[in-house]
Structure formats: C-alpha cells, structure tokens
Amino acid sequence: MSEYSEPELPPLPYDYDALEPHISEQVLEWHHDTHHQGYVNGLDSAEKTLAENREAGEFGSSGAAIRNVTHNGSGHYLHTLFWENMDPNGGGEPDGDLRERIEADFGSYEGWKGEFEAAAGAAGGWALLVYDPVAKQLRNLVVDKHDQGALWGSHPILALDVWEHSYYYDYGPDRGDFIDNFFEVVDWDKVAQEYEKVVGRIE
C-alpha cells in the first residue's frame, strides 16, 4: 500500500492585513486559519477512513467518506487557489496571452467580467474562471458548495469564494460590493501563470 501523505494548510502568501481595506485582517485570519483548516482536517479524516476500510475489508462507511473527500478536497484546493489569486499589489486588468484569450472567448474583457460577476452573484460557493480542455476555451462556472457545478476535466485558473464567511463580516449582505473589491486585489500575473501552465500541457 502506498504511503499516505497528510494534506497541509498552506501559509498565506502575504500578511493577514495585507489586503486591507478590501478584505480585513480579521476575515483573512478566520477564513484561512479556521475555515480552510477545517477542509484540510476533513480531507485528512476522510482519507484515513478510506485507508482503514480498505485494510479491514469493511466498506460500510466508505461512501460517506468518498463524499467527504470530494467536498473537503475541493474546498482545500479552491481555497489554496483563492489565496494565490490575490496580492496586495493586484488589481487592474489582464494583458498578454490571457487577455487575448479572454477577448476571443468572451468577446471582450468587459463581457467576461460582467459574466463572472453574474456567476459570483448566483453561486452558493464559488465563481470560477476555468479552462475547458475539451472545447479548448475559457469558461465561467457557478459552483455551489465546493463541488456542485464543476465541469469535468476543466482547470480553474481564477477562484472567487462567495460563501458568506468570506465577506459578511466586512460587507454585511452586500455581496456585490465584496465582488467589486475582489477585483482590486486580483493578481493577474498569477492567473496568467495558471492559464499558461494548463494550456501548455493541453494545446
């Protein structure tokens, strides 16, 4: 049996107060240290349950554990991307190959942004910009929770968490204001790196 490697909470790539005033120090501390850690713990627990069940040859609890792997694993992976998508010196608009691809697939940057904001307003979890390797194009996705609404095979390159814990302390019920402020800290260089890494493997 292969050696099990426990998932770990990655450190934030900036200080807790680095994204103020757009996202407060308190929200980042709660969100990263409590919520994201919870998904890491949930993934670890589910993986251990599956390993124990395989060893014992008893699979009565394996179905629920598999669901927990999907939910918590997706929560862990998407939060990791979410932190990496932001930077204190972010903002502005994409350029280069990513800008050209957005314009080709959505008609314009404004067309993409308007659709992405609509996805963020409708989502019960996440708005994602993904690369679809089957259609060979970028798409916006509405994802509920962490794993409902995903498109098989697609690769997220930009993730926006719109669970209430990501904004309610700072913005109250005004999710739209939070979405607007997210664009003030998007690290487009990082998003472009993710895009180029994915496209380089596929196209």
N, C-alpha and C. Protein backbone atom coordinates (compact mmCIF):
# COMPACT_ATOMS: atom_id res chain seq x y z
N MET A 1 0.85 -1.20 0.00
CA MET A 1 0.00 0.00 0.00
C MET A 1 0.88 1.24 0.00
N SER A 2 0.55 2.24 -0.81
CA SER A 2 1.35 3.44 -0.92
C SER A 2 1.30 4.23 0.38
N GLU A 3 2.38 4.97 0.66
CA GLU A 3 2.47 5.76 1.88
C GLU A 3 1.52 6.95 1.81
N TYR A 4 0.77 7.18 2.90
CA TYR A 4 -0.20 8.26 2.93
C TYR A 4 0.49 9.57 3.29
N SER A 5 0.21 10.60 2.54
CA SER A 5 0.76 11.93 2.81
C SER A 5 -0.36 12.84 3.28
N GLU A 6 -0.29 13.28 4.52
CA GLU A 6 -1.36 14.11 5.08
C GLU A 6 -1.41 15.46 4.39
N PRO A 7 -2.62 15.95 4.06
CA PRO A 7 -2.73 17.29 3.49
C PRO A 7 -2.36 18.34 4.53
N GLU A 8 -1.82 19.45 4.09
CA GLU A 8 -1.40 20.51 5.00
C GLU A 8 -1.99 21.84 4.56
N LEU A 9 -2.26 22.69 5.53
CA LEU A 9 -2.74 24.04 5.25
C LEU A 9 -1.57 24.88 4.77
N PRO A 10 -1.62 25.38 3.54
CA PRO A 10 -0.51 26.23 3.07
C PRO A 10 -0.58 27.59 3.74
N PRO A 11 0.56 28.20 4.03
CA PRO A 11 0.53 29.55 4.61
C PRO A 11 0.02 30.55 3.58
N LEU A 12 -0.57 31.63 4.09
CA LEU A 12 -0.95 32.71 3.19
C LEU A 12 0.30 33.28 2.51
N PRO A 13 0.20 33.67 1.26
CA PRO A 13 1.37 34.23 0.57
C PRO A 13 1.61 35.71 0.90
N TYR A 14 0.92 36.23 1.92
CA TYR A 14 1.06 37.63 2.34
C TYR A 14 0.59 37.70 3.78
N ASP A 15 0.80 38.85 4.42
CA ASP A 15 0.36 39.03 5.81
C ASP A 15 -1.16 39.11 5.89
N TYR A 16 -1.68 38.82 7.08
CA TYR A 16 -3.14 38.83 7.26
C TYR A 16 -3.77 40.18 6.96
N ASP A 17 -3.04 41.25 7.21
CA ASP A 17 -3.60 42.59 6.99
C ASP A 17 -3.25 43.17 5.62
N ALA A 18 -2.63 42.37 4.76
CA ALA A 18 -2.09 42.89 3.51
C ALA A 18 -3.14 43.30 2.49
N LEU A 19 -4.35 42.73 2.60
CA LEU A 19 -5.38 43.02 1.60
C LEU A 19 -6.36 44.09 2.06
N GLU A 20 -6.11 44.68 3.22
CA GLU A 20 -6.99 45.77 3.68
C GLU A 20 -6.84 46.97 2.75
N PRO A 21 -7.89 47.76 2.54
CA PRO A 21 -9.21 47.69 3.17
C PRO A 21 -10.20 46.76 2.45
N HIS A 22 -9.75 46.06 1.44
CA HIS A 22 -10.67 45.26 0.62
C HIS A 22 -11.13 44.00 1.36
N ILE A 23 -10.20 43.36 2.05
CA ILE A 23 -10.52 42.21 2.91
C ILE A 23 -9.78 42.41 4.22
N SER A 24 -10.50 42.39 5.32
CA SER A 24 -9.90 42.75 6.60
C SER A 24 -8.98 41.65 7.14
N GLU A 25 -8.09 42.07 8.03
CA GLU A 25 -7.21 41.13 8.72
C GLU A 25 -8.02 40.07 9.46
N GLN A 26 -9.09 40.49 10.12
CA GLN A 26 -9.90 39.53 10.88
C GLN A 26 -10.51 38.47 9.98
N VAL A 27 -11.05 38.87 8.84
CA VAL A 27 -11.66 37.90 7.93
C VAL A 27 -10.61 36.93 7.39
N LEU A 28 -9.44 37.45 7.00
CA LEU A 28 -8.41 36.55 6.49
C LEU A 28 -7.96 35.56 7.55
N GLU A 29 -7.84 36.02 8.79
CA GLU A 29 -7.42 35.11 9.86
C GLU A 29 -8.46 34.02 10.08
N TRP A 30 -9.73 34.41 10.21
CA TRP A 30 -10.79 33.42 10.38
C TRP A 30 -10.87 32.48 9.18
N HIS A 31 -10.87 33.09 8.01
CA HIS A 31 -11.11 32.33 6.79
C HIS A 31 -10.00 31.30 6.55
N HIS A 32 -8.76 31.75 6.70
CA HIS A 32 -7.64 30.86 6.45
C HIS A 32 -7.42 29.87 7.59
N ASP A 33 -7.32 30.39 8.82
CA ASP A 33 -6.91 29.55 9.95
C ASP A 33 -8.01 28.62 10.45
N THR A 34 -9.27 29.03 10.27
CA THR A 34 -10.38 28.21 10.77
C THR A 34 -11.09 27.47 9.64
N HIS A 35 -11.61 28.21 8.66
CA HIS A 35 -12.39 27.57 7.61
C HIS A 35 -11.53 26.68 6.71
N HIS A 36 -10.44 27.24 6.19
CA HIS A 36 -9.61 26.42 5.30
C HIS A 36 -9.00 25.25 6.07
N GLN A 37 -8.57 25.49 7.30
CA GLN A 37 -8.03 24.39 8.10
C GLN A 37 -9.07 23.29 8.30
N GLY A 38 -10.33 23.69 8.42
CA GLY A 38 -11.39 22.70 8.58
C GLY A 38 -11.51 21.78 7.39
N TYR A 39 -11.32 22.30 6.18
CA TYR A 39 -11.40 21.45 4.99
C TYR A 39 -10.18 20.53 4.91
N VAL A 40 -9.02 21.03 5.32
CA VAL A 40 -7.83 20.18 5.36
C VAL A 40 -8.05 19.03 6.35
N ASN A 41 -8.58 19.36 7.52
CA ASN A 41 -8.83 18.32 8.52
C ASN A 41 -9.87 17.31 8.04
N GLY A 42 -10.92 17.81 7.38
CA GLY A 42 -11.97 16.93 6.87
C GLY A 42 -11.46 16.00 5.79
N LEU A 43 -10.59 16.52 4.92
CA LEU A 43 -9.99 15.69 3.87
C LEU A 43 -9.12 14.61 4.50
N ASP A 44 -8.30 15.00 5.46
CA ASP A 44 -7.41 14.05 6.13
C ASP A 44 -8.21 12.94 6.81
N SER A 45 -9.26 13.32 7.53
CA SER A 45 -10.08 12.34 8.23
C SER A 45 -10.73 11.35 7.25
N ALA A 46 -11.26 11.88 6.15
CA ALA A 46 -11.92 11.01 5.16
C ALA A 46 -10.92 10.06 4.51
N GLU A 47 -9.74 10.56 4.19
CA GLU A 47 -8.72 9.71 3.57
C GLU A 47 -8.30 8.59 4.53
N LYS A 48 -8.17 8.91 5.80
CA LYS A 48 -7.80 7.88 6.78
C LYS A 48 -8.91 6.84 6.93
N THR A 49 -10.15 7.28 6.91
CA THR A 49 -11.27 6.33 6.97
C THR A 49 -11.24 5.38 5.79
N LEU A 50 -11.00 5.89 4.61
CA LEU A 50 -10.94 5.03 3.42
C LEU A 50 -9.79 4.03 3.52
N ALA A 51 -8.64 4.50 3.99
CA ALA A 51 -7.49 3.60 4.12
C ALA A 51 -7.77 2.50 5.14
N GLU A 52 -8.38 2.87 6.26
CA GLU A 52 -8.71 1.88 7.29
C GLU A 52 -9.73 0.87 6.76
N ASN A 53 -10.71 1.34 6.00
CA ASN A 53 -11.72 0.44 5.46
C ASN A 53 -11.13 -0.54 4.45
N ARG A 54 -10.20 -0.04 3.64
CA ARG A 54 -9.56 -0.94 2.68
C ARG A 54 -8.77 -2.02 3.40
N GLU A 55 -8.06 -1.60 4.45
CA GLU A 55 -7.25 -2.55 5.21
C GLU A 55 -8.12 -3.61 5.87
N ALA A 56 -9.27 -3.19 6.39
CA ALA A 56 -10.16 -4.11 7.10
C ALA A 56 -11.09 -4.88 6.17
N GLY A 57 -11.22 -4.41 4.94
CA GLY A 57 -12.16 -5.04 4.03
C GLY A 57 -13.61 -4.76 4.39
N GLU A 58 -13.83 -3.68 5.10
CA GLU A 58 -15.18 -3.26 5.51
C GLU A 58 -15.46 -1.89 4.90
N PHE A 59 -16.54 -1.79 4.11
CA PHE A 59 -16.75 -0.57 3.33
C PHE A 59 -18.06 0.14 3.64
N GLY A 60 -18.65 -0.16 4.80
CA GLY A 60 -19.93 0.45 5.14
C GLY A 60 -19.90 1.96 5.22
N SER A 61 -18.79 2.54 5.67
CA SER A 61 -18.69 4.00 5.80
C SER A 61 -17.92 4.64 4.65
N SER A 62 -17.56 3.84 3.65
CA SER A 62 -16.72 4.38 2.58
C SER A 62 -17.46 5.35 1.67
N GLY A 63 -18.75 5.11 1.43
CA GLY A 63 -19.50 6.02 0.56
C GLY A 63 -19.51 7.43 1.11
N ALA A 64 -19.80 7.56 2.42
CA ALA A 64 -19.81 8.89 3.04
C ALA A 64 -18.42 9.49 3.04
N ALA A 65 -17.39 8.66 3.26
CA ALA A 65 -16.02 9.18 3.26
C ALA A 65 -15.62 9.69 1.88
N ILE A 66 -16.05 9.00 0.84
CA ILE A 66 -15.74 9.45 -0.52
C ILE A 66 -16.39 10.81 -0.78
N ARG A 67 -17.63 10.98 -0.34
CA ARG A 67 -18.28 12.29 -0.46
C ARG A 67 -17.49 13.36 0.28
N ASN A 68 -16.97 13.00 1.45
CA ASN A 68 -16.21 13.97 2.23
C ASN A 68 -14.87 14.32 1.57
N VAL A 69 -14.27 13.35 0.88
CA VAL A 69 -13.07 13.64 0.12
C VAL A 69 -13.37 14.68 -0.95
N THR A 70 -14.47 14.47 -1.67
CA THR A 70 -14.83 15.40 -2.74
C THR A 70 -15.10 16.80 -2.20
N HIS A 71 -15.91 16.87 -1.15
CA HIS A 71 -16.29 18.18 -0.59
C HIS A 71 -15.08 18.89 0.03
N ASN A 72 -14.40 18.21 0.92
CA ASN A 72 -13.29 18.85 1.63
C ASN A 72 -12.07 19.02 0.74
N GLY A 73 -11.81 18.06 -0.14
CA GLY A 73 -10.70 18.21 -1.06
C GLY A 73 -10.90 19.39 -1.99
N SER A 74 -12.10 19.54 -2.52
CA SER A 74 -12.39 20.68 -3.39
C SER A 74 -12.28 21.98 -2.61
N GLY A 75 -12.78 21.98 -1.36
CA GLY A 75 -12.66 23.18 -0.53
C GLY A 75 -11.21 23.55 -0.29
N HIS A 76 -10.38 22.56 -0.02
CA HIS A 76 -8.94 22.79 0.21
C HIS A 76 -8.28 23.33 -1.04
N TYR A 77 -8.51 22.69 -2.19
CA TYR A 77 -7.82 23.09 -3.42
C TYR A 77 -8.28 24.47 -3.88
N LEU A 78 -9.59 24.74 -3.81
CA LEU A 78 -10.08 26.03 -4.27
C LEU A 78 -9.64 27.17 -3.35
N HIS A 79 -9.62 26.93 -2.04
CA HIS A 79 -9.12 27.98 -1.15
C HIS A 79 -7.65 28.28 -1.42
N THR A 80 -6.87 27.24 -1.67
CA THR A 80 -5.46 27.46 -1.97
C THR A 80 -5.31 28.35 -3.21
N LEU A 81 -6.09 28.09 -4.25
CA LEU A 81 -6.05 28.92 -5.45
C LEU A 81 -6.54 30.33 -5.16
N PHE A 82 -7.59 30.45 -4.35
CA PHE A 82 -8.15 31.76 -3.99
C PHE A 82 -7.09 32.64 -3.34
N TRP A 83 -6.35 32.10 -2.37
CA TRP A 83 -5.29 32.91 -1.73
C TRP A 83 -4.24 33.31 -2.75
N GLU A 84 -3.86 32.38 -3.60
CA GLU A 84 -2.81 32.67 -4.59
C GLU A 84 -3.27 33.65 -5.66
N ASN A 85 -4.59 33.74 -5.89
CA ASN A 85 -5.13 34.64 -6.91
C ASN A 85 -5.10 36.10 -6.49
N MET A 86 -4.77 36.36 -5.22
CA MET A 86 -4.81 37.73 -4.71
C MET A 86 -3.42 38.20 -4.30
N ASP A 87 -3.24 39.53 -4.32
CA ASP A 87 -1.96 40.12 -3.94
C ASP A 87 -2.21 41.58 -3.53
N PRO A 88 -1.49 42.07 -2.53
CA PRO A 88 -1.67 43.48 -2.12
C PRO A 88 -1.45 44.47 -3.26
N ASN A 89 -0.63 44.10 -4.24
CA ASN A 89 -0.35 44.98 -5.37
C ASN A 89 -1.14 44.57 -6.62
N GLY A 90 -2.22 43.83 -6.40
CA GLY A 90 -3.03 43.37 -7.52
C GLY A 90 -3.96 44.44 -8.06
N GLY A 91 -4.92 44.00 -8.83
CA GLY A 91 -5.87 44.93 -9.45
C GLY A 91 -5.57 45.13 -10.92
N GLY A 92 -6.23 46.08 -11.51
CA GLY A 92 -6.04 46.34 -12.93
C GLY A 92 -6.74 45.30 -13.78
N GLU A 93 -6.19 45.05 -14.95
CA GLU A 93 -6.77 44.11 -15.89
C GLU A 93 -5.68 43.19 -16.44
N PRO A 94 -6.06 42.02 -16.94
CA PRO A 94 -5.06 41.12 -17.52
C PRO A 94 -4.51 41.68 -18.82
N ASP A 95 -3.34 41.18 -19.21
CA ASP A 95 -2.77 41.55 -20.50
C ASP A 95 -2.16 40.31 -21.15
N GLY A 96 -1.47 40.50 -22.23
CA GLY A 96 -0.77 39.41 -22.89
C GLY A 96 -1.69 38.33 -23.43
N ASP A 97 -1.20 37.09 -23.42
CA ASP A 97 -1.94 35.97 -23.99
C ASP A 97 -3.27 35.74 -23.28
N LEU A 98 -3.29 35.92 -21.95
CA LEU A 98 -4.54 35.71 -21.22
C LEU A 98 -5.58 36.73 -21.66
N ARG A 99 -5.19 37.97 -21.80
CA ARG A 99 -6.14 39.00 -22.25
C ARG A 99 -6.68 38.65 -23.64
N GLU A 100 -5.82 38.22 -24.51
CA GLU A 100 -6.25 37.87 -25.87
C GLU A 100 -7.23 36.70 -25.84
N ARG A 101 -6.97 35.72 -24.97
CA ARG A 101 -7.85 34.56 -24.90
C ARG A 101 -9.21 34.94 -24.32
N ILE A 102 -9.21 35.78 -23.30
CA ILE A 102 -10.48 36.26 -22.73
C ILE A 102 -11.30 36.97 -23.80
N GLU A 103 -10.65 37.84 -24.56
CA GLU A 103 -11.36 38.58 -25.60
C GLU A 103 -11.86 37.65 -26.70
N ALA A 104 -11.09 36.62 -27.03
CA ALA A 104 -11.52 35.68 -28.07
C ALA A 104 -12.70 34.85 -27.60
N ASP A 105 -12.70 34.44 -26.32
CA ASP A 105 -13.73 33.53 -25.84
C ASP A 105 -14.97 34.23 -25.30
N PHE A 106 -14.83 35.49 -24.89
CA PHE A 106 -15.97 36.21 -24.29
C PHE A 106 -16.34 37.48 -25.06
N GLY A 107 -15.62 37.79 -26.12
CA GLY A 107 -15.92 38.98 -26.90
C GLY A 107 -15.15 40.20 -26.46
N SER A 108 -14.94 40.34 -25.16
CA SER A 108 -14.20 41.47 -24.59
C SER A 108 -13.92 41.16 -23.13
N TYR A 109 -12.99 41.91 -22.55
CA TYR A 109 -12.74 41.77 -21.11
C TYR A 109 -14.00 42.14 -20.33
N GLU A 110 -14.67 43.19 -20.77
CA GLU A 110 -15.89 43.63 -20.08
C GLU A 110 -16.98 42.55 -20.15
N GLY A 111 -17.05 41.86 -21.30
CA GLY A 111 -18.02 40.78 -21.43
C GLY A 111 -17.70 39.64 -20.47
N TRP A 112 -16.41 39.32 -20.34
CA TRP A 112 -16.04 38.28 -19.38
C TRP A 112 -16.35 38.72 -17.95
N LYS A 113 -15.95 39.94 -17.61
CA LYS A 113 -16.10 40.40 -16.23
C LYS A 113 -17.57 40.46 -15.82
N GLY A 114 -18.42 40.96 -16.71
CA GLY A 114 -19.85 41.01 -16.40
C GLY A 114 -20.42 39.63 -16.16
N GLU A 115 -20.00 38.66 -16.97
CA GLU A 115 -20.49 37.29 -16.79
C GLU A 115 -19.94 36.68 -15.51
N PHE A 116 -18.67 36.94 -15.21
CA PHE A 116 -18.07 36.40 -13.99
C PHE A 116 -18.76 36.97 -12.76
N GLU A 117 -19.06 38.25 -12.78
CA GLU A 117 -19.77 38.87 -11.66
C GLU A 117 -21.17 38.26 -11.50
N ALA A 118 -21.82 37.96 -12.62
CA ALA A 118 -23.12 37.30 -12.54
C ALA A 118 -22.99 35.91 -11.93
N ALA A 119 -21.94 35.19 -12.29
CA ALA A 119 -21.68 33.88 -11.69
C ALA A 119 -21.47 34.01 -10.19
N ALA A 120 -20.70 35.01 -9.78
CA ALA A 120 -20.43 35.21 -8.36
C ALA A 120 -21.69 35.59 -7.60
N GLY A 121 -22.58 36.31 -8.25
CA GLY A 121 -23.83 36.68 -7.61
C GLY A 121 -24.79 35.52 -7.47
N ALA A 122 -24.67 34.55 -8.37
CA ALA A 122 -25.60 33.41 -8.37
C ALA A 122 -25.09 32.23 -7.57
N ALA A 123 -23.79 32.17 -7.32
CA ALA A 123 -23.18 30.98 -6.74
C ALA A 123 -23.51 30.83 -5.26
N GLY A 124 -23.61 29.57 -4.84
CA GLY A 124 -23.72 29.26 -3.43
C GLY A 124 -22.40 28.74 -2.90
N GLY A 125 -21.31 29.23 -3.45
CA GLY A 125 -20.00 28.77 -3.04
C GLY A 125 -18.88 29.51 -3.75
N TRP A 126 -18.76 29.28 -5.06
CA TRP A 126 -17.62 29.82 -5.80
C TRP A 126 -18.03 30.28 -7.20
N ALA A 127 -17.34 31.32 -7.68
CA ALA A 127 -17.32 31.65 -9.10
C ALA A 127 -15.92 31.30 -9.60
N LEU A 128 -15.86 30.58 -10.69
CA LEU A 128 -14.58 30.13 -11.22
C LEU A 128 -14.42 30.51 -12.68
N LEU A 129 -13.22 30.95 -13.04
CA LEU A 129 -12.82 31.02 -14.44
C LEU A 129 -11.96 29.79 -14.68
N VAL A 130 -12.39 28.95 -15.62
CA VAL A 130 -11.70 27.68 -15.87
C VAL A 130 -11.32 27.59 -17.33
N TYR A 131 -10.33 26.72 -17.59
CA TYR A 131 -10.02 26.36 -18.96
C TYR A 131 -10.62 24.99 -19.23
N ASP A 132 -11.46 24.93 -20.25
CA ASP A 132 -12.13 23.68 -20.66
C ASP A 132 -11.29 23.04 -21.75
N PRO A 133 -10.61 21.91 -21.45
CA PRO A 133 -9.71 21.31 -22.44
C PRO A 133 -10.42 20.58 -23.57
N VAL A 134 -11.70 20.29 -23.39
CA VAL A 134 -12.45 19.61 -24.45
C VAL A 134 -12.84 20.62 -25.52
N ALA A 135 -13.47 21.72 -25.10
CA ALA A 135 -13.85 22.78 -26.04
C ALA A 135 -12.68 23.69 -26.38
N LYS A 136 -11.58 23.58 -25.60
CA LYS A 136 -10.40 24.43 -25.76
C LYS A 136 -10.78 25.90 -25.67
N GLN A 137 -11.44 26.24 -24.55
CA GLN A 137 -11.81 27.63 -24.32
C GLN A 137 -11.95 27.90 -22.83
N LEU A 138 -11.94 29.17 -22.50
CA LEU A 138 -12.20 29.60 -21.13
C LEU A 138 -13.70 29.63 -20.89
N ARG A 139 -14.09 29.31 -19.66
CA ARG A 139 -15.50 29.37 -19.27
C ARG A 139 -15.60 29.91 -17.85
N ASN A 140 -16.71 30.56 -17.55
CA ASN A 140 -17.08 30.89 -16.18
C ASN A 140 -18.01 29.81 -15.65
N LEU A 141 -17.82 29.43 -14.40
CA LEU A 141 -18.67 28.42 -13.78
C LEU A 141 -19.27 28.95 -12.49
N VAL A 142 -20.50 28.54 -12.22
CA VAL A 142 -21.17 28.75 -10.94
C VAL A 142 -21.05 27.44 -10.17
N VAL A 143 -20.36 27.46 -9.04
CA VAL A 143 -20.16 26.25 -8.25
C VAL A 143 -20.80 26.44 -6.88
N ASP A 144 -21.71 25.55 -6.54
CA ASP A 144 -22.33 25.56 -5.22
C ASP A 144 -21.53 24.68 -4.28
N LYS A 145 -21.50 25.08 -3.00
CA LYS A 145 -20.62 24.43 -2.03
C LYS A 145 -19.21 24.45 -2.62
N HIS A 146 -18.54 23.32 -2.72
CA HIS A 146 -17.22 23.30 -3.33
C HIS A 146 -17.16 22.43 -4.57
N ASP A 147 -18.20 21.64 -4.79
CA ASP A 147 -18.05 20.59 -5.79
C ASP A 147 -19.30 20.36 -6.63
N GLN A 148 -20.29 21.25 -6.55
CA GLN A 148 -21.52 21.08 -7.31
C GLN A 148 -21.57 22.14 -8.41
N GLY A 149 -21.43 21.69 -9.64
CA GLY A 149 -21.41 22.61 -10.77
C GLY A 149 -20.08 22.60 -11.49
N ALA A 150 -19.17 21.74 -11.04
CA ALA A 150 -17.89 21.62 -11.73
C ALA A 150 -18.09 21.01 -13.12
N LEU A 151 -17.21 21.35 -14.04
CA LEU A 151 -17.22 20.78 -15.39
C LEU A 151 -16.06 19.81 -15.47
N TRP A 152 -16.37 18.54 -15.71
CA TRP A 152 -15.34 17.51 -15.69
C TRP A 152 -14.18 17.86 -16.62
N GLY A 153 -12.97 17.73 -16.09
CA GLY A 153 -11.76 17.96 -16.87
C GLY A 153 -11.32 19.40 -16.93
N SER A 154 -12.16 20.34 -16.49
CA SER A 154 -11.78 21.75 -16.56
C SER A 154 -10.78 22.09 -15.47
N HIS A 155 -10.00 23.13 -15.71
CA HIS A 155 -8.93 23.53 -14.80
C HIS A 155 -9.18 24.95 -14.32
N PRO A 156 -9.47 25.16 -13.03
CA PRO A 156 -9.67 26.52 -12.52
C PRO A 156 -8.38 27.33 -12.59
N ILE A 157 -8.48 28.57 -13.06
CA ILE A 157 -7.34 29.47 -13.05
C ILE A 157 -7.61 30.72 -12.21
N LEU A 158 -8.88 31.00 -11.93
CA LEU A 158 -9.26 32.11 -11.05
C LEU A 158 -10.44 31.67 -10.22
N ALA A 159 -10.32 31.83 -8.90
CA ALA A 159 -11.37 31.39 -7.98
C ALA A 159 -11.77 32.53 -7.06
N LEU A 160 -13.08 32.74 -6.94
CA LEU A 160 -13.62 33.73 -6.02
C LEU A 160 -14.58 33.03 -5.06
N ASP A 161 -14.25 33.06 -3.79
CA ASP A 161 -15.06 32.45 -2.74
C ASP A 161 -16.18 33.42 -2.37
N VAL A 162 -17.44 33.01 -2.55
CA VAL A 162 -18.57 33.86 -2.17
C VAL A 162 -19.43 33.21 -1.10
N TRP A 163 -18.86 32.22 -0.36
CA TRP A 163 -19.53 31.80 0.86
C TRP A 163 -19.62 33.01 1.78
N GLU A 164 -20.63 33.04 2.63
CA GLU A 164 -20.82 34.22 3.49
C GLU A 164 -19.64 34.48 4.40
N HIS A 165 -18.93 33.43 4.81
CA HIS A 165 -17.80 33.67 5.72
C HIS A 165 -16.68 34.47 5.06
N SER A 166 -16.69 34.57 3.73
CA SER A 166 -15.63 35.31 3.04
C SER A 166 -15.88 36.82 3.01
N TYR A 167 -17.10 37.26 3.29
CA TYR A 167 -17.38 38.69 3.14
C TYR A 167 -18.32 39.29 4.18
N TYR A 168 -19.10 38.50 4.89
CA TYR A 168 -20.20 39.08 5.68
C TYR A 168 -19.70 39.99 6.79
N TYR A 169 -18.58 39.64 7.41
CA TYR A 169 -18.03 40.49 8.49
C TYR A 169 -17.66 41.86 7.96
N ASP A 170 -17.11 41.91 6.74
CA ASP A 170 -16.67 43.19 6.16
C ASP A 170 -17.79 43.94 5.45
N TYR A 171 -18.69 43.23 4.79
CA TYR A 171 -19.64 43.89 3.88
C TYR A 171 -21.09 43.64 4.24
N GLY A 172 -21.37 42.85 5.27
CA GLY A 172 -22.75 42.52 5.54
C GLY A 172 -23.34 41.76 4.37
N PRO A 173 -24.61 41.99 4.05
CA PRO A 173 -25.24 41.24 2.96
C PRO A 173 -24.88 41.74 1.56
N ASP A 174 -24.01 42.76 1.46
CA ASP A 174 -23.70 43.36 0.15
C ASP A 174 -22.61 42.56 -0.56
N ARG A 175 -22.99 41.42 -1.09
CA ARG A 175 -22.02 40.59 -1.80
C ARG A 175 -21.44 41.32 -3.00
N GLY A 176 -22.25 42.12 -3.67
CA GLY A 176 -21.78 42.83 -4.86
C GLY A 176 -20.61 43.74 -4.55
N ASP A 177 -20.63 44.41 -3.40
CA ASP A 177 -19.53 45.29 -3.01
C ASP A 177 -18.26 44.47 -2.79
N PHE A 178 -18.42 43.30 -2.17
CA PHE A 178 -17.27 42.42 -1.98
C PHE A 178 -16.70 41.97 -3.33
N ILE A 179 -17.55 41.61 -4.27
CA ILE A 179 -17.09 41.18 -5.58
C ILE A 179 -16.32 42.30 -6.26
N ASP A 180 -16.84 43.54 -6.18
CA ASP A 180 -16.13 44.69 -6.76
C ASP A 180 -14.74 44.85 -6.16
N ASN A 181 -14.65 44.69 -4.84
CA ASN A 181 -13.37 44.88 -4.16
C ASN A 181 -12.40 43.73 -4.43
N PHE A 182 -12.92 42.55 -4.72
CA PHE A 182 -12.05 41.44 -5.09
C PHE A 182 -11.19 41.81 -6.30
N PHE A 183 -11.78 42.52 -7.26
CA PHE A 183 -11.03 42.89 -8.45
C PHE A 183 -9.92 43.89 -8.17
N GLU A 184 -9.95 44.52 -7.01
CA GLU A 184 -8.88 45.45 -6.62
C GLU A 184 -7.63 44.71 -6.16
N VAL A 185 -7.75 43.41 -5.88
CA VAL A 185 -6.60 42.65 -5.38
C VAL A 185 -6.28 41.42 -6.23
N VAL A 186 -6.95 41.22 -7.34
CA VAL A 186 -6.64 40.07 -8.21
C VAL A 186 -5.21 40.20 -8.73
N ASP A 187 -4.45 39.13 -8.60
CA ASP A 187 -3.09 39.07 -9.12
C ASP A 187 -3.14 38.45 -10.51
N TRP A 188 -3.27 39.30 -11.52
CA TRP A 188 -3.44 38.80 -12.89
C TRP A 188 -2.21 38.07 -13.40
N ASP A 189 -1.02 38.41 -12.87
CA ASP A 189 0.18 37.68 -13.27
C ASP A 189 0.06 36.22 -12.84
N LYS A 190 -0.45 36.00 -11.64
CA LYS A 190 -0.61 34.63 -11.15
C LYS A 190 -1.67 33.89 -11.96
N VAL A 191 -2.77 34.56 -12.27
CA VAL A 191 -3.82 33.93 -13.08
C VAL A 191 -3.26 33.56 -14.45
N ALA A 192 -2.46 34.46 -15.03
CA ALA A 192 -1.86 34.18 -16.34
C ALA A 192 -0.91 32.99 -16.26
N GLN A 193 -0.17 32.87 -15.16
CA GLN A 193 0.72 31.72 -14.99
C GLN A 193 -0.06 30.42 -14.96
N GLU A 194 -1.19 30.43 -14.23
CA GLU A 194 -2.03 29.23 -14.18
C GLU A 194 -2.57 28.88 -15.57
N TYR A 195 -3.01 29.91 -16.29
CA TYR A 195 -3.53 29.70 -17.64
C TYR A 195 -2.45 29.10 -18.55
N GLU A 196 -1.27 29.69 -18.52
CA GLU A 196 -0.20 29.22 -19.40
C GLU A 196 0.24 27.81 -19.04
N LYS A 197 0.24 27.49 -17.74
CA LYS A 197 0.63 26.16 -17.31
C LYS A 197 -0.35 25.11 -17.83
N VAL A 198 -1.64 25.43 -17.75
CA VAL A 198 -2.68 24.49 -18.19
C VAL A 198 -2.67 24.36 -19.70
N VAL A 199 -2.67 25.47 -20.40
CA VAL A 199 -2.72 25.43 -21.86
C VAL A 199 -1.47 24.77 -22.43
N GLY A 200 -0.33 25.01 -21.79
CA GLY A 200 0.91 24.42 -22.26
C GLY A 200 0.88 22.90 -22.19
N ARG A 201 0.11 22.33 -21.27
CA ARG A 201 0.02 20.89 -21.15
C ARG A 201 -0.96 20.29 -22.15
N ILE A 202 -1.91 21.10 -22.62
CA ILE A 202 -3.05 20.55 -23.37
C ILE A 202 -3.00 20.90 -24.84
N GLU A 203 -2.70 22.14 -25.15
CA GLU A 203 -2.81 22.57 -26.57
C GLU A 203 -1.49 22.37 -27.31
